[in-house]
Amino acid sequence: MRRRVLDMTMFLLWRIFVSISFSGFLLVSL
């Protein structure tokens, strides 16, 4: 159970990181 929670947390952090990076890329492109 603990292992699965860790995987979910890492997945959420990865999604947030990708979203921020993508947003920053769009701002720089404009």
PDB file of N, CA and C in Angstrom:
ATOM      1  N   MET A   1       0.845  -1.200   0.000  1.00  0.00           N
ATOM      2  CA  MET A   1       0.000   0.000   0.000  1.00  0.00           C
ATOM      3  C   MET A   1       0.884   1.256   0.000  1.00  0.00           C
ATOM      4  N   ARG A   2       1.889   1.240   0.857  1.00  0.00           N
ATOM      5  CA  ARG A   2       2.777   2.399   0.960  1.00  0.00           C
ATOM      6  C   ARG A   2       3.497   2.642  -0.357  1.00  0.00           C
ATOM      7  N   ARG A   3       3.895   1.555  -1.015  1.00  0.00           N
ATOM      8  CA  ARG A   3       4.599   1.642  -2.289  1.00  0.00           C
ATOM      9  C   ARG A   3       3.718   2.326  -3.330  1.00  0.00           C
ATOM     10  N   ARG A   4       2.435   1.964  -3.360  1.00  0.00           N
ATOM     11  CA  ARG A   4       1.512   2.527  -4.338  1.00  0.00           C
ATOM     12  C   ARG A   4       1.309   4.022  -4.092  1.00  0.00           C
ATOM     13  N   VAL A   5       1.242   4.411  -2.834  1.00  0.00           N
ATOM     14  CA  VAL A   5       1.063   5.832  -2.501  1.00  0.00           C
ATOM     15  C   VAL A   5       2.260   6.626  -3.008  1.00  0.00           C
ATOM     16  N   LEU A   6       3.458   6.058  -2.863  1.00  0.00           N
ATOM     17  CA  LEU A   6       4.670   6.736  -3.315  1.00  0.00           C
ATOM     18  C   LEU A   6       4.630   6.914  -4.828  1.00  0.00           C
ATOM     19  N   ASP A   7       4.195   5.868  -5.534  1.00  0.00           N
ATOM     20  CA  ASP A   7       4.107   5.956  -6.997  1.00  0.00           C
ATOM     21  C   ASP A   7       3.120   7.041  -7.414  1.00  0.00           C
ATOM     22  N   MET A   8       1.986   7.126  -6.733  1.00  0.00           N
ATOM     23  CA  MET A   8       0.983   8.131  -7.065  1.00  0.00           C
ATOM     24  C   MET A   8       1.530   9.534  -6.820  1.00  0.00           C
ATOM     25  N   THR A   9       2.268   9.704  -5.718  1.00  0.00           N
ATOM     26  CA  THR A   9       2.841  11.007  -5.384  1.00  0.00           C
ATOM     27  C   THR A   9       3.846  11.436  -6.445  1.00  0.00           C
ATOM     28  N   MET A  10       4.715  10.509  -6.858  1.00  0.00           N
ATOM     29  CA  MET A  10       5.720  10.817  -7.875  1.00  0.00           C
ATOM     30  C   MET A  10       5.040  11.178  -9.188  1.00  0.00           C
ATOM     31  N   PHE A  11       3.946  10.462  -9.514  1.00  0.00           N
ATOM     32  CA  PHE A  11       3.214  10.720 -10.750  1.00  0.00           C
ATOM     33  C   PHE A  11       2.631  12.130 -10.733  1.00  0.00           C
ATOM     34  N   LEU A  12       2.042  12.520  -9.602  1.00  0.00           N
ATOM     35  CA  LEU A  12       1.457  13.858  -9.498  1.00  0.00           C
ATOM     36  C   LEU A  12       2.532  14.938  -9.606  1.00  0.00           C
ATOM     37  N   LEU A  13       3.675  14.712  -8.940  1.00  0.00           N
ATOM     38  CA  LEU A  13       4.765  15.695  -8.996  1.00  0.00           C
ATOM     39  C   LEU A  13       5.269  15.826 -10.426  1.00  0.00           C
ATOM     40  N   TRP A  14       5.350  14.698 -11.145  1.00  0.00           N
ATOM     41  CA  TRP A  14       5.827  14.710 -12.529  1.00  0.00           C
ATOM     42  C   TRP A  14       4.865  15.502 -13.404  1.00  0.00           C
ATOM     43  N   ARG A  15       3.549  15.297 -13.188  1.00  0.00           N
ATOM     44  CA  ARG A  15       2.529  16.009 -13.967  1.00  0.00           C
ATOM     45  C   ARG A  15       2.638  17.517 -13.737  1.00  0.00           C
ATOM     46  N   ILE A  16       2.821  17.920 -12.474  1.00  0.00           N
ATOM     47  CA  ILE A  16       2.943  19.343 -12.143  1.00  0.00           C
ATOM     48  C   ILE A  16       4.188  19.928 -12.800  1.00  0.00           C
ATOM     49  N   PHE A  17       5.298  19.176 -12.747  1.00  0.00           N
ATOM     50  CA  PHE A  17       6.556  19.639 -13.335  1.00  0.00           C
ATOM     51  C   PHE A  17       6.399  19.839 -14.839  1.00  0.00           C
ATOM     52  N   VAL A  18       5.755  18.885 -15.510  1.00  0.00           N
ATOM     53  CA  VAL A  18       5.548  18.979 -16.960  1.00  0.00           C
ATOM     54  C   VAL A  18       4.649  20.173 -17.289  1.00  0.00           C
ATOM     55  N   SER A  19       3.602  20.369 -16.489  1.00  0.00           N
ATOM     56  CA  SER A  19       2.677  21.480 -16.740  1.00  0.00           C
ATOM     57  C   SER A  19       3.398  22.825 -16.631  1.00  0.00           C
ATOM     58  N   ILE A  20       4.217  22.979 -15.585  1.00  0.00           N
ATOM     59  CA  ILE A  20       4.952  24.229 -15.388  1.00  0.00           C
ATOM     60  C   ILE A  20       5.950  24.450 -16.521  1.00  0.00           C
ATOM     61  N   SER A  21       6.652  23.386 -16.904  1.00  0.00           N
ATOM     62  CA  SER A  21       7.647  23.507 -17.976  1.00  0.00           C
ATOM     63  C   SER A  21       6.970  23.897 -19.287  1.00  0.00           C
ATOM     64  N   PHE A  22       5.830  23.273 -19.585  1.00  0.00           N
ATOM     65  CA  PHE A  22       5.101  23.560 -20.819  1.00  0.00           C
ATOM     66  C   PHE A  22       4.596  24.998 -20.819  1.00  0.00           C
ATOM     67  N   SER A  23       4.079  25.454 -19.668  1.00  0.00           N
ATOM     68  CA  SER A  23       3.571  26.826 -19.572  1.00  0.00           C
ATOM     69  C   SER A  23       4.709  27.820 -19.783  1.00  0.00           C
ATOM     70  N   GLY A  24       5.860  27.546 -19.172  1.00  0.00           N
ATOM     71  CA  GLY A  24       7.012  28.431 -19.312  1.00  0.00           C
ATOM     72  C   GLY A  24       7.465  28.482 -20.759  1.00  0.00           C
ATOM     73  N   PHE A  25       7.450  27.339 -21.432  1.00  0.00           N
ATOM     74  CA  PHE A  25       7.855  27.269 -22.836  1.00  0.00           C
ATOM     75  C   PHE A  25       6.928  28.116 -23.703  1.00  0.00           C
ATOM     76  N   LEU A  26       5.624  28.056 -23.428  1.00  0.00           N
ATOM     77  CA  LEU A  26       4.662  28.845 -24.204  1.00  0.00           C
ATOM     78  C   LEU A  26       4.894  30.339 -23.973  1.00  0.00           C
ATOM     79  N   LEU A  27       5.141  30.733 -22.717  1.00  0.00           N
ATOM     80  CA  LEU A  27       5.368  32.148 -22.414  1.00  0.00           C
ATOM     81  C   LEU A  27       6.603  32.665 -23.137  1.00  0.00           C
ATOM     82  N   VAL A  28       7.652  31.858 -23.191  1.00  0.00           N
ATOM     83  CA  VAL A  28       8.892  32.264 -23.860  1.00  0.00           C
ATOM     84  C   VAL A  28       8.666  32.366 -25.368  1.00  0.00           C
ATOM     85  N   SER A  29       7.828  31.481 -25.891  1.00  0.00           N
ATOM     86  CA  SER A  29       7.579  31.455 -27.339  1.00  0.00           C
ATOM     87  C   SER A  29       6.793  32.675 -27.812  1.00  0.00           C
ATOM     88  N   LEU A  30       5.908  33.191 -26.952  1.00  0.00           N
ATOM     89  CA  LEU A  30       5.068  34.309 -27.373  1.00  0.00           C
ATOM     90  C   LEU A  30       5.838  35.602 -27.566  1.00  0.00           C
TER      91      LEU A  30
END
